Every structure is written in structure tokens, then in C-alpha cells.
Amino acid sequence: MGILGTILGAGAMVGKICGAFASTLSDTNGGRLTKRYTDRDGQTHLLSDTGLSIGDGSFITSKNETTGKVDHLLFNRSSENALEITRANVDDIKGDDPMSESLLIAPTEKGYIEPFYTNPHYPVDTFVQVVPVNEPKSFRGNALASGGMVYTVSFKNLIVDSENVKSGSYFQLNYNQGALFFSNVSLAPSGLVYLRVTAHNGIAFSNEVELPVVKAGQNYQCMYSFSEFGIKTGDVVDIDLRVLFGAAEVSKIKQLQAKRGLKTEPINEHELEFISKLHH
């Protein structure tokens, strides 16, 4: 699958995830796979497949039958690629801070995803993306230090040449006077490796040439002319980006996840056996 197919195809509506989870708290589970095991503390757990899988990610329910606690998890089955869970911008955020809500799940780890569908500021139709994250080796012909990442993000309903911004997980974005502006930055981008613009008037174009992102005062910017493709002031566009972050920025992700109550853990031996049967 190409980059655009990955961005647009590897996602699930929050409501769909909730519905799948709601049907997975019994032994029968509608004919889908379940597994009961006892952990080292003597507590019994019931794993249930939701039937929802995105790329190398499987949505699993784990019920602690000793305590009654239910966890909603995304298992990363890949032994090579991380998974990133994020969302497109939400236009009408009220109350809680929408920033820094993105969860990076390392290979063979699991992520707890309750915050992605229980936070009150999410509309029920919020789109959650699950995409693979690769570690870049070079940018513009130069070798990169290990530990960087390429992050995929989408922004909806940007107005061209407007001061209005849209919120993503690590920065806010707008397009003004021939440049993409990254503001309110919690992770500083250093480049773009992919750009896709889809205007609501039917114009669409993409760029797969590496583009630098440079500091501009308190913000960052990437020069790119939309007007050459017929995009005019006031047009409404959707933008998909693959953004390069350096190793130093990636180290901040865990801190941001902890601040937002997001967490990951290694897949244990019982869970590993379960998902090996699930995808046998």
C-alpha cells in the first residue's frame, strides 16, 4: 500500500471501536477468539478479540476477572515497526487540552487506548488513525542520528491564507502566504517527507520530495506554493503530512504520553500466544 493509502486507509472511527469493544466481554464473544489465563499474582484474565485490526495493530479487550477491571488495548504485532495512534484535528475543542494526544506503541508492545474514545472533548465521529512509524535513515541525502521518526498526521478544513489554526497532537498548523506554519509546538519538526493537499473544490496534489522545516520566531515554517496548483485565498483544504522528528524530539514523546495518562507495556507471554493464534 502506498503512503496515501496508508494514511487514508489505516484508521477507525471511534464509535466503531467502542461498538467492537462492547461486544467482547463474554466467553462466547460472537464466535471470535478468547483466552483465559492466570497471572503470577493468581489473578484471572479473559482476553477477547474485537474483530477489529488495522495493519499490524489488533484491538483486544482484557478483563481482569478477579478485580472486574476492563482494559481496551491495541496490540502491535510487528517486531520491526512502531505504531502511532493519533487523530485528525477536532474543530470545536472545549474544556480539556487537546494537544499531545498521540500514542506511540513500540514493536511487540500494547497500548491502552481509553483516552482516545472516553475524553469528553471528542465528538463521536472523531477519526483515529493507526499508522506504522518508520525510523528514518537519511534526509536530503544526509545521514541521520538513530532514534528519529517519521510521524503521520492529518488536518481537516484549513482555510488558505487564514490566521485560524488547526490542532494536531504535537503542533498546530495553518497555511498562509505560501508557507505551512507549525505553531504551539511541543515537538519541533525538522522536515517533511510527504505532503498531500485535497481542496474541497476538487483540486488535489501531493509532494514526495523532502522539504525542510525551519525556525521562524517562536514557530516553524515550510515554504510550499499551493497557488501553483490553483488553490486560492479562502479555499478550504485537508492536509496529510509525514513529518520528520529528530532523536531528541522523539525522547519527549514518552513524557507527553505520561502527562496525558497514555501508557504502553510489553505484550506478555499469554497475550503473545493469544495473538499468534488470532493471526495464524
C-alpha atoms as a PDB file:
ATOM      1  CA  MET A   1       0.000   0.000   0.000  1.00  0.00           C
ATOM      2  CA  GLY A   2       1.288   3.467  -0.855  1.00  0.00           C
ATOM      3  CA  ILE A   3       1.796   6.287   1.598  1.00  0.00           C
ATOM      4  CA  LEU A   4      -1.533   7.930   0.829  1.00  0.00           C
ATOM      5  CA  GLY A   5      -3.344   4.603   1.064  1.00  0.00           C
ATOM      6  CA  THR A   6      -1.770   4.048   4.452  1.00  0.00           C
ATOM      7  CA  ILE A   7      -2.796   7.477   5.684  1.00  0.00           C
ATOM      8  CA  LEU A   8      -6.368   7.313   4.445  1.00  0.00           C
ATOM      9  CA  GLY A   9      -6.994   3.588   4.831  1.00  0.00           C
ATOM     10  CA  ALA A  10      -5.445   2.686   8.175  1.00  0.00           C
ATOM     11  CA  GLY A  11      -7.939   4.164  10.593  1.00  0.00           C
ATOM     12  CA  ALA A  12     -11.111   3.516  12.504  1.00  0.00           C
ATOM     13  CA  MET A  13     -13.965   5.648  13.717  1.00  0.00           C
ATOM     14  CA  VAL A  14     -14.053   5.958  17.497  1.00  0.00           C
ATOM     15  CA  GLY A  15     -17.672   4.847  17.531  1.00  0.00           C
ATOM     16  CA  LYS A  16     -16.788   1.694  15.638  1.00  0.00           C
ATOM     17  CA  ILE A  17     -14.042   0.889  18.133  1.00  0.00           C
ATOM     18  CA  CYS A  18     -16.457   1.384  21.043  1.00  0.00           C
ATOM     19  CA  GLY A  19     -19.034  -0.869  19.424  1.00  0.00           C
ATOM     20  CA  ALA A  20     -16.485  -3.603  18.841  1.00  0.00           C
ATOM     21  CA  PHE A  21     -15.272  -3.419  22.429  1.00  0.00           C
ATOM     22  CA  ALA A  22     -18.804  -3.521  23.811  1.00  0.00           C
ATOM     23  CA  SER A  23     -19.401  -6.978  22.321  1.00  0.00           C
ATOM     24  CA  THR A  24     -16.270  -8.661  23.683  1.00  0.00           C
ATOM     25  CA  LEU A  25     -16.853  -9.216  27.374  1.00  0.00           C
ATOM     26  CA  SER A  26     -18.090 -12.820  27.339  1.00  0.00           C
ATOM     27  CA  ASP A  27     -16.654 -16.289  26.789  1.00  0.00           C
ATOM     28  CA  THR A  28     -18.570 -16.730  23.544  1.00  0.00           C
ATOM     29  CA  ASN A  29     -17.640 -13.343  22.053  1.00  0.00           C
ATOM     30  CA  GLY A  30     -19.734 -13.935  18.949  1.00  0.00           C
ATOM     31  CA  GLY A  31     -17.511 -16.770  17.782  1.00  0.00           C
ATOM     32  CA  ARG A  32     -14.303 -14.708  17.967  1.00  0.00           C
ATOM     33  CA  LEU A  33     -11.220 -15.923  19.780  1.00  0.00           C
ATOM     34  CA  THR A  34     -10.930 -15.679  23.564  1.00  0.00           C
ATOM     35  CA  LYS A  35      -8.294 -16.844  26.031  1.00  0.00           C
ATOM     36  CA  ARG A  36      -8.378 -17.124  29.814  1.00  0.00           C
ATOM     37  CA  TYR A  37      -5.165 -17.220  31.830  1.00  0.00           C
ATOM     38  CA  THR A  38      -3.939 -16.789  35.411  1.00  0.00           C
ATOM     39  CA  ASP A  39      -1.061 -14.398  36.048  1.00  0.00           C
ATOM     40  CA  ARG A  40       1.766 -14.749  38.561  1.00  0.00           C
ATOM     41  CA  ASP A  41      -0.283 -12.950  41.208  1.00  0.00           C
ATOM     42  CA  GLY A  42      -3.080 -15.502  40.897  1.00  0.00           C
ATOM     43  CA  GLN A  43      -5.463 -13.138  39.098  1.00  0.00           C
ATOM     44  CA  THR A  44      -7.531 -14.453  36.183  1.00  0.00           C
ATOM     45  CA  HIS A  45      -7.745 -12.557  32.894  1.00  0.00           C
ATOM     46  CA  LEU A  46     -10.009 -13.011  29.866  1.00  0.00           C
ATOM     47  CA  LEU A  47      -8.626 -11.834  26.518  1.00  0.00           C
ATOM     48  CA  SER A  48     -11.152 -11.223  23.748  1.00  0.00           C
ATOM     49  CA  ASP A  49     -10.682 -10.370  20.089  1.00  0.00           C
ATOM     50  CA  THR A  50     -12.801  -7.426  18.914  1.00  0.00           C
ATOM     51  CA  GLY A  51     -12.572  -8.404  15.260  1.00  0.00           C
ATOM     52  CA  LEU A  52     -11.027  -5.018  14.508  1.00  0.00           C
ATOM     53  CA  SER A  53      -7.495  -4.996  13.125  1.00  0.00           C
ATOM     54  CA  ILE A  54      -5.579  -2.188  11.429  1.00  0.00           C
ATOM     55  CA  GLY A  55      -2.288  -3.039   9.783  1.00  0.00           C
ATOM     56  CA  ASP A  56      -0.143  -4.725  12.440  1.00  0.00           C
ATOM     57  CA  GLY A  57      -2.445  -3.491  15.197  1.00  0.00           C
ATOM     58  CA  SER A  58      -5.114  -5.668  16.822  1.00  0.00           C
ATOM     59  CA  PHE A  59      -7.766  -4.205  19.135  1.00  0.00           C
ATOM     60  CA  ILE A  60      -8.121  -6.503  22.148  1.00  0.00           C
ATOM     61  CA  THR A  61     -10.230  -6.431  25.326  1.00  0.00           C
ATOM     62  CA  SER A  62      -8.604  -7.712  28.514  1.00  0.00           C
ATOM     63  CA  LYS A  63     -10.885  -8.256  31.529  1.00  0.00           C
ATOM     64  CA  ASN A  64      -9.369  -8.937  34.931  1.00  0.00           C
ATOM     65  CA  GLU A  65     -11.986 -11.352  36.250  1.00  0.00           C
ATOM     66  CA  THR A  66     -10.543 -11.106  39.767  1.00  0.00           C
ATOM     67  CA  THR A  67     -10.987  -7.344  40.071  1.00  0.00           C
ATOM     68  CA  GLY A  68     -13.549  -6.724  37.314  1.00  0.00           C
ATOM     69  CA  LYS A  69     -11.333  -4.123  35.626  1.00  0.00           C
ATOM     70  CA  VAL A  70     -11.535  -3.992  31.809  1.00  0.00           C
ATOM     71  CA  ASP A  71      -8.721  -2.654  29.632  1.00  0.00           C
ATOM     72  CA  HIS A  72      -9.072  -1.717  25.968  1.00  0.00           C
ATOM     73  CA  LEU A  73      -5.804  -2.329  24.162  1.00  0.00           C
ATOM     74  CA  LEU A  74      -4.105  -2.040  20.823  1.00  0.00           C
ATOM     75  CA  PHE A  75      -1.508  -4.771  20.352  1.00  0.00           C
ATOM     76  CA  ASN A  76       1.367  -4.062  17.992  1.00  0.00           C
ATOM     77  CA  ARG A  77       2.127  -7.433  16.420  1.00  0.00           C
ATOM     78  CA  SER A  78       5.073  -6.147  14.410  1.00  0.00           C
ATOM     79  CA  SER A  79       8.568  -6.971  15.593  1.00  0.00           C
ATOM     80  CA  GLU A  80      10.040  -4.180  13.442  1.00  0.00           C
ATOM     81  CA  ASN A  81       7.762  -1.148  13.160  1.00  0.00           C
ATOM     82  CA  ALA A  82       6.216   1.042  15.822  1.00  0.00           C
ATOM     83  CA  LEU A  83       2.563   2.079  15.571  1.00  0.00           C
ATOM     84  CA  GLU A  84       1.295   5.610  16.092  1.00  0.00           C
ATOM     85  CA  ILE A  85      -2.280   6.270  17.217  1.00  0.00           C
ATOM     86  CA  THR A  86      -3.394   9.816  16.549  1.00  0.00           C
ATOM     87  CA  ARG A  87      -6.400  11.779  15.339  1.00  0.00           C
ATOM     88  CA  ALA A  88      -7.218  14.412  12.804  1.00  0.00           C
ATOM     89  CA  ASN A  89      -7.961  17.853  14.219  1.00  0.00           C
ATOM     90  CA  VAL A  90     -11.164  18.416  16.131  1.00  0.00           C
ATOM     91  CA  ASP A  91     -12.672  21.771  15.284  1.00  0.00           C
ATOM     92  CA  ASP A  92     -14.613  22.603  18.422  1.00  0.00           C
ATOM     93  CA  ILE A  93     -12.500  21.673  21.425  1.00  0.00           C
ATOM     94  CA  LYS A  94     -13.975  22.672  24.761  1.00  0.00           C
ATOM     95  CA  GLY A  95     -12.579  22.116  28.199  1.00  0.00           C
ATOM     96  CA  ASP A  96      -9.639  19.731  28.283  1.00  0.00           C
ATOM     97  CA  ASP A  97      -6.415  20.447  26.409  1.00  0.00           C
ATOM     98  CA  PRO A  98      -6.483  18.616  23.038  1.00  0.00           C
ATOM     99  CA  MET A  99      -2.741  18.735  22.420  1.00  0.00           C
ATOM    100  CA  SER A 100      -0.240  15.922  22.858  1.00  0.00           C
ATOM    101  CA  GLU A 101      -2.752  13.121  22.456  1.00  0.00           C
ATOM    102  CA  SER A 102      -0.842  10.683  20.356  1.00  0.00           C
ATOM    103  CA  LEU A 103       0.314   7.249  21.443  1.00  0.00           C
ATOM    104  CA  LEU A 104       3.467   5.598  20.114  1.00  0.00           C
ATOM    105  CA  ILE A 105       3.456   1.811  20.538  1.00  0.00           C
ATOM    106  CA  ALA A 106       6.827   0.134  20.108  1.00  0.00           C
ATOM    107  CA  PRO A 107       7.184  -3.259  18.359  1.00  0.00           C
ATOM    108  CA  THR A 108       5.581  -6.110  20.367  1.00  0.00           C
ATOM    109  CA  GLU A 109       4.072  -3.693  22.869  1.00  0.00           C
ATOM    110  CA  LYS A 110       0.456  -2.884  23.735  1.00  0.00           C
ATOM    111  CA  GLY A 111      -1.155   0.496  24.251  1.00  0.00           C
ATOM    112  CA  TYR A 112      -4.083   1.449  26.477  1.00  0.00           C
ATOM    113  CA  ILE A 113      -6.450   3.406  24.269  1.00  0.00           C
ATOM    114  CA  GLU A 114      -9.270   4.545  26.592  1.00  0.00           C
ATOM    115  CA  PRO A 115      -8.276   8.228  26.246  1.00  0.00           C
ATOM    116  CA  PHE A 116      -8.935   8.053  22.512  1.00  0.00           C
ATOM    117  CA  TYR A 117     -12.644   7.453  22.936  1.00  0.00           C
ATOM    118  CA  THR A 118     -13.554   8.434  26.517  1.00  0.00           C
ATOM    119  CA  ASN A 119     -12.312  12.026  26.591  1.00  0.00           C
ATOM    120  CA  PRO A 120     -15.368  14.302  26.686  1.00  0.00           C
ATOM    121  CA  HIS A 121     -13.994  16.731  24.104  1.00  0.00           C
ATOM    122  CA  TYR A 122     -14.063  14.095  21.349  1.00  0.00           C
ATOM    123  CA  PRO A 123     -17.096  14.155  19.064  1.00  0.00           C
ATOM    124  CA  VAL A 124     -18.390  10.619  18.437  1.00  0.00           C
ATOM    125  CA  ASP A 125     -17.209  10.749  14.827  1.00  0.00           C
ATOM    126  CA  THR A 126     -13.602  11.608  15.685  1.00  0.00           C
ATOM    127  CA  PHE A 127     -11.304   9.740  13.301  1.00  0.00           C
ATOM    128  CA  VAL A 128      -8.467   7.836  14.924  1.00  0.00           C
ATOM    129  CA  GLN A 129      -5.564   6.858  12.714  1.00  0.00           C
ATOM    130  CA  VAL A 130      -3.289   3.902  13.358  1.00  0.00           C
ATOM    131  CA  VAL A 131      -0.249   4.020  11.103  1.00  0.00           C
ATOM    132  CA  PRO A 132       3.195   2.405  11.058  1.00  0.00           C
ATOM    133  CA  VAL A 133       6.127   4.549  12.151  1.00  0.00           C
ATOM    134  CA  ASN A 134       9.467   4.020  10.480  1.00  0.00           C
ATOM    135  CA  GLU A 135      12.834   5.206  11.707  1.00  0.00           C
ATOM    136  CA  PRO A 136      14.391   7.433   9.018  1.00  0.00           C
ATOM    137  CA  LYS A 137      17.971   6.810   7.955  1.00  0.00           C
ATOM    138  CA  SER A 138      18.596   9.968   5.942  1.00  0.00           C
ATOM    139  CA  PHE A 139      17.071  13.307   4.990  1.00  0.00           C
ATOM    140  CA  ARG A 140      18.035  15.344   1.931  1.00  0.00           C
ATOM    141  CA  GLY A 141      20.957  12.992   1.341  1.00  0.00           C
ATOM    142  CA  ASN A 142      22.460  13.303   4.824  1.00  0.00           C
ATOM    143  CA  ALA A 143      22.674  10.502   7.373  1.00  0.00           C
ATOM    144  CA  LEU A 144      20.536  10.974  10.483  1.00  0.00           C
ATOM    145  CA  ALA A 145      21.330  10.051  14.043  1.00  0.00           C
ATOM    146  CA  SER A 146      19.446   6.935  15.140  1.00  0.00           C
ATOM    147  CA  GLY A 147      16.252   7.329  17.123  1.00  0.00           C
ATOM    148  CA  GLY A 148      14.371   9.746  14.866  1.00  0.00           C
ATOM    149  CA  MET A 149      10.917   9.051  13.494  1.00  0.00           C
ATOM    150  CA  VAL A 150       8.541   9.962  10.714  1.00  0.00           C
ATOM    151  CA  TYR A 151       5.124  10.887  12.102  1.00  0.00           C
ATOM    152  CA  THR A 152       1.903  10.818  10.075  1.00  0.00           C
ATOM    153  CA  VAL A 153      -0.779  13.414  10.771  1.00  0.00           C
ATOM    154  CA  SER A 154      -3.898  14.822   9.099  1.00  0.00           C
ATOM    155  CA  PHE A 155      -5.557  18.215   9.355  1.00  0.00           C
ATOM    156  CA  LYS A 156      -9.078  18.898   8.125  1.00  0.00           C
ATOM    157  CA  ASN A 157     -10.781  22.096   6.976  1.00  0.00           C
ATOM    158  CA  LEU A 158      -7.867  24.535   6.898  1.00  0.00           C
ATOM    159  CA  ILE A 159      -8.727  27.867   5.295  1.00  0.00           C
ATOM    160  CA  VAL A 160      -5.980  29.094   2.975  1.00  0.00           C
ATOM    161  CA  ASP A 161      -4.378  32.422   3.981  1.00  0.00           C
ATOM    162  CA  SER A 162      -6.219  32.493   7.282  1.00  0.00           C
ATOM    163  CA  GLU A 163      -4.796  33.053  10.744  1.00  0.00           C
ATOM    164  CA  ASN A 164      -7.027  30.282  12.064  1.00  0.00           C
ATOM    165  CA  VAL A 165      -5.069  27.166  13.065  1.00  0.00           C
ATOM    166  CA  LYS A 166      -5.989  23.505  13.436  1.00  0.00           C
ATOM    167  CA  SER A 167      -4.758  21.436  16.355  1.00  0.00           C
ATOM    168  CA  GLY A 168      -2.786  18.235  15.983  1.00  0.00           C
ATOM    169  CA  SER A 169      -1.090  16.080  18.579  1.00  0.00           C
ATOM    170  CA  TYR A 170       2.303  17.817  18.619  1.00  0.00           C
ATOM    171  CA  PHE A 171       1.657  21.165  16.945  1.00  0.00           C
ATOM    172  CA  GLN A 172      -0.959  23.416  15.389  1.00  0.00           C
ATOM    173  CA  LEU A 173      -0.978  24.074  11.663  1.00  0.00           C
ATOM    174  CA  ASN A 174      -2.157  26.693   9.220  1.00  0.00           C
ATOM    175  CA  TYR A 175      -1.238  27.758   5.683  1.00  0.00           C
ATOM    176  CA  ASN A 176      -0.598  31.415   4.982  1.00  0.00           C
ATOM    177  CA  GLN A 177       1.231  33.355   2.261  1.00  0.00           C
ATOM    178  CA  GLY A 178       2.921  30.380   0.646  1.00  0.00           C
ATOM    179  CA  ALA A 179       4.042  28.585   3.797  1.00  0.00           C
ATOM    180  CA  LEU A 180       2.869  25.907   6.180  1.00  0.00           C
ATOM    181  CA  PHE A 181       3.195  27.281   9.713  1.00  0.00           C
ATOM    182  CA  PHE A 182       3.728  24.992  12.699  1.00  0.00           C
ATOM    183  CA  SER A 183       2.830  26.732  15.975  1.00  0.00           C
ATOM    184  CA  ASN A 184       2.244  25.822  19.638  1.00  0.00           C
ATOM    185  CA  VAL A 185       4.921  23.200  19.104  1.00  0.00           C
ATOM    186  CA  SER A 186       5.561  20.512  21.712  1.00  0.00           C
ATOM    187  CA  LEU A 187       7.798  18.545  19.323  1.00  0.00           C
ATOM    188  CA  ALA A 188       9.818  20.565  16.816  1.00  0.00           C
ATOM    189  CA  PRO A 189       9.613  19.279  13.219  1.00  0.00           C
ATOM    190  CA  SER A 190      12.767  19.306  11.124  1.00  0.00           C
ATOM    191  CA  GLY A 191      11.384  18.323   7.735  1.00  0.00           C
ATOM    192  CA  LEU A 192       8.540  16.957   5.635  1.00  0.00           C
ATOM    193  CA  VAL A 193       8.911  13.712   3.732  1.00  0.00           C
ATOM    194  CA  TYR A 194       5.382  13.721   2.307  1.00  0.00           C
ATOM    195  CA  LEU A 195       2.628  16.278   1.699  1.00  0.00           C
ATOM    196  CA  ARG A 196      -0.872  15.705   0.322  1.00  0.00           C
ATOM    197  CA  VAL A 197      -3.364  18.534  -0.181  1.00  0.00           C
ATOM    198  CA  THR A 198      -7.013  17.917  -1.023  1.00  0.00           C
ATOM    199  CA  ALA A 199      -9.092  21.038  -1.629  1.00  0.00           C
ATOM    200  CA  HIS A 200     -12.850  20.964  -1.119  1.00  0.00           C
ATOM    201  CA  ASN A 201     -13.250  22.379  -4.642  1.00  0.00           C
ATOM    202  CA  GLY A 202     -11.831  19.164  -6.123  1.00  0.00           C
ATOM    203  CA  ILE A 203      -8.162  20.106  -6.611  1.00  0.00           C
ATOM    204  CA  ALA A 204      -5.700  17.600  -5.175  1.00  0.00           C
ATOM    205  CA  PHE A 205      -1.920  17.262  -5.360  1.00  0.00           C
ATOM    206  CA  SER A 206       0.924  15.627  -3.456  1.00  0.00           C
ATOM    207  CA  ASN A 207       4.644  16.049  -2.937  1.00  0.00           C
ATOM    208  CA  GLU A 208       7.130  13.296  -2.097  1.00  0.00           C
ATOM    209  CA  VAL A 209      10.260  15.458  -2.346  1.00  0.00           C
ATOM    210  CA  GLU A 210      11.854  16.126   1.050  1.00  0.00           C
ATOM    211  CA  LEU A 211      11.163  19.648   2.289  1.00  0.00           C
ATOM    212  CA  PRO A 212      12.978  21.446   5.123  1.00  0.00           C
ATOM    213  CA  VAL A 213      11.112  22.933   8.065  1.00  0.00           C
ATOM    214  CA  VAL A 214      12.920  25.944   9.584  1.00  0.00           C
ATOM    215  CA  LYS A 215      12.551  28.029  12.715  1.00  0.00           C
ATOM    216  CA  ALA A 216      10.559  31.238  12.272  1.00  0.00           C
ATOM    217  CA  GLY A 217      10.475  33.194  15.527  1.00  0.00           C
ATOM    218  CA  GLN A 218       8.554  31.085  18.037  1.00  0.00           C
ATOM    219  CA  ASN A 219       7.141  28.952  15.237  1.00  0.00           C
ATOM    220  CA  TYR A 220       8.357  26.771  12.356  1.00  0.00           C
ATOM    221  CA  GLN A 221       7.565  27.036   8.665  1.00  0.00           C
ATOM    222  CA  CYS A 222       7.845  25.093   5.432  1.00  0.00           C
ATOM    223  CA  MET A 223       7.660  27.013   2.151  1.00  0.00           C
ATOM    224  CA  TYR A 224       5.412  25.427  -0.475  1.00  0.00           C
ATOM    225  CA  SER A 225       3.247  27.142  -3.095  1.00  0.00           C
ATOM    226  CA  PHE A 226      -0.361  25.996  -3.183  1.00  0.00           C
ATOM    227  CA  SER A 227      -1.249  28.711  -5.720  1.00  0.00           C
ATOM    228  CA  GLU A 228       0.700  26.931  -8.453  1.00  0.00           C
ATOM    229  CA  PHE A 229      -1.945  24.213  -8.315  1.00  0.00           C
ATOM    230  CA  GLY A 230      -4.874  26.616  -8.465  1.00  0.00           C
ATOM    231  CA  ILE A 231      -5.512  26.947  -4.738  1.00  0.00           C
ATOM    232  CA  LYS A 232      -6.759  30.450  -3.865  1.00  0.00           C
ATOM    233  CA  THR A 233      -7.179  32.543  -0.732  1.00  0.00           C
ATOM    234  CA  GLY A 234     -10.239  31.366   1.174  1.00  0.00           C
ATOM    235  CA  ASP A 235     -10.206  27.835  -0.253  1.00  0.00           C
ATOM    236  CA  VAL A 236     -10.747  25.053   2.291  1.00  0.00           C
ATOM    237  CA  VAL A 237      -8.227  22.207   2.219  1.00  0.00           C
ATOM    238  CA  ASP A 238      -7.422  18.961   4.002  1.00  0.00           C
ATOM    239  CA  ILE A 239      -3.717  18.245   4.510  1.00  0.00           C
ATOM    240  CA  ASP A 240      -1.916  14.964   5.172  1.00  0.00           C
ATOM    241  CA  LEU A 241       1.702  15.181   6.307  1.00  0.00           C
ATOM    242  CA  ARG A 242       4.577  12.877   7.116  1.00  0.00           C
ATOM    243  CA  VAL A 243       6.770  14.911   9.443  1.00  0.00           C
ATOM    244  CA  LEU A 244      10.372  14.195  10.373  1.00  0.00           C
ATOM    245  CA  PHE A 245      11.302  14.437  14.059  1.00  0.00           C
ATOM    246  CA  GLY A 246      14.887  14.119  15.273  1.00  0.00           C
ATOM    247  CA  ALA A 247      16.015  11.767  18.028  1.00  0.00           C
ATOM    248  CA  ALA A 248      15.914  14.496  20.683  1.00  0.00           C
ATOM    249  CA  GLU A 249      12.242  15.174  19.943  1.00  0.00           C
ATOM    250  CA  VAL A 250      11.292  11.509  19.998  1.00  0.00           C
ATOM    251  CA  SER A 251      12.655  11.241  23.540  1.00  0.00           C
ATOM    252  CA  LYS A 252       9.971  13.730  24.624  1.00  0.00           C
ATOM    253  CA  ILE A 253       7.105  11.547  23.433  1.00  0.00           C
ATOM    254  CA  LYS A 254       7.066   9.311  26.493  1.00  0.00           C
ATOM    255  CA  GLN A 255       6.958  12.383  28.722  1.00  0.00           C
ATOM    256  CA  LEU A 256       3.977  13.753  26.811  1.00  0.00           C
ATOM    257  CA  GLN A 257       2.212  10.385  26.931  1.00  0.00           C
ATOM    258  CA  ALA A 258       2.698  10.169  30.688  1.00  0.00           C
ATOM    259  CA  LYS A 259       1.343  13.698  31.106  1.00  0.00           C
ATOM    260  CA  ARG A 260      -1.804  12.729  29.207  1.00  0.00           C
ATOM    261  CA  GLY A 261      -2.274   9.427  31.041  1.00  0.00           C
ATOM    262  CA  LEU A 262      -1.309   7.371  27.990  1.00  0.00           C
ATOM    263  CA  LYS A 263       0.787   4.278  28.549  1.00  0.00           C
ATOM    264  CA  THR A 264       2.248   1.225  26.848  1.00  0.00           C
ATOM    265  CA  GLU A 265       3.613  -2.074  28.142  1.00  0.00           C
ATOM    266  CA  PRO A 266       5.305  -5.150  26.648  1.00  0.00           C
ATOM    267  CA  ILE A 267       2.962  -7.900  25.442  1.00  0.00           C
ATOM    268  CA  ASN A 268       3.189 -10.731  27.990  1.00  0.00           C
ATOM    269  CA  GLU A 269       3.679 -14.396  27.122  1.00  0.00           C
ATOM    270  CA  HIS A 270      -0.030 -15.255  27.419  1.00  0.00           C
ATOM    271  CA  GLU A 271      -1.042 -12.367  25.199  1.00  0.00           C
ATOM    272  CA  LEU A 272       1.661 -13.292  22.686  1.00  0.00           C
ATOM    273  CA  GLU A 273       0.267 -16.820  22.461  1.00  0.00           C
ATOM    274  CA  PHE A 274      -3.232 -15.383  22.036  1.00  0.00           C
ATOM    275  CA  ILE A 275      -2.365 -13.087  19.123  1.00  0.00           C
ATOM    276  CA  SER A 276      -0.283 -15.795  17.436  1.00  0.00           C
ATOM    277  CA  LYS A 277      -3.447 -17.925  17.275  1.00  0.00           C
ATOM    278  CA  LEU A 278      -5.537 -14.917  16.313  1.00  0.00           C
ATOM    279  CA  HIS A 279      -3.484 -14.323  13.175  1.00  0.00           C
ATOM    280  CA  HIS A 280      -2.421 -17.899  12.465  1.00  0.00           C
END
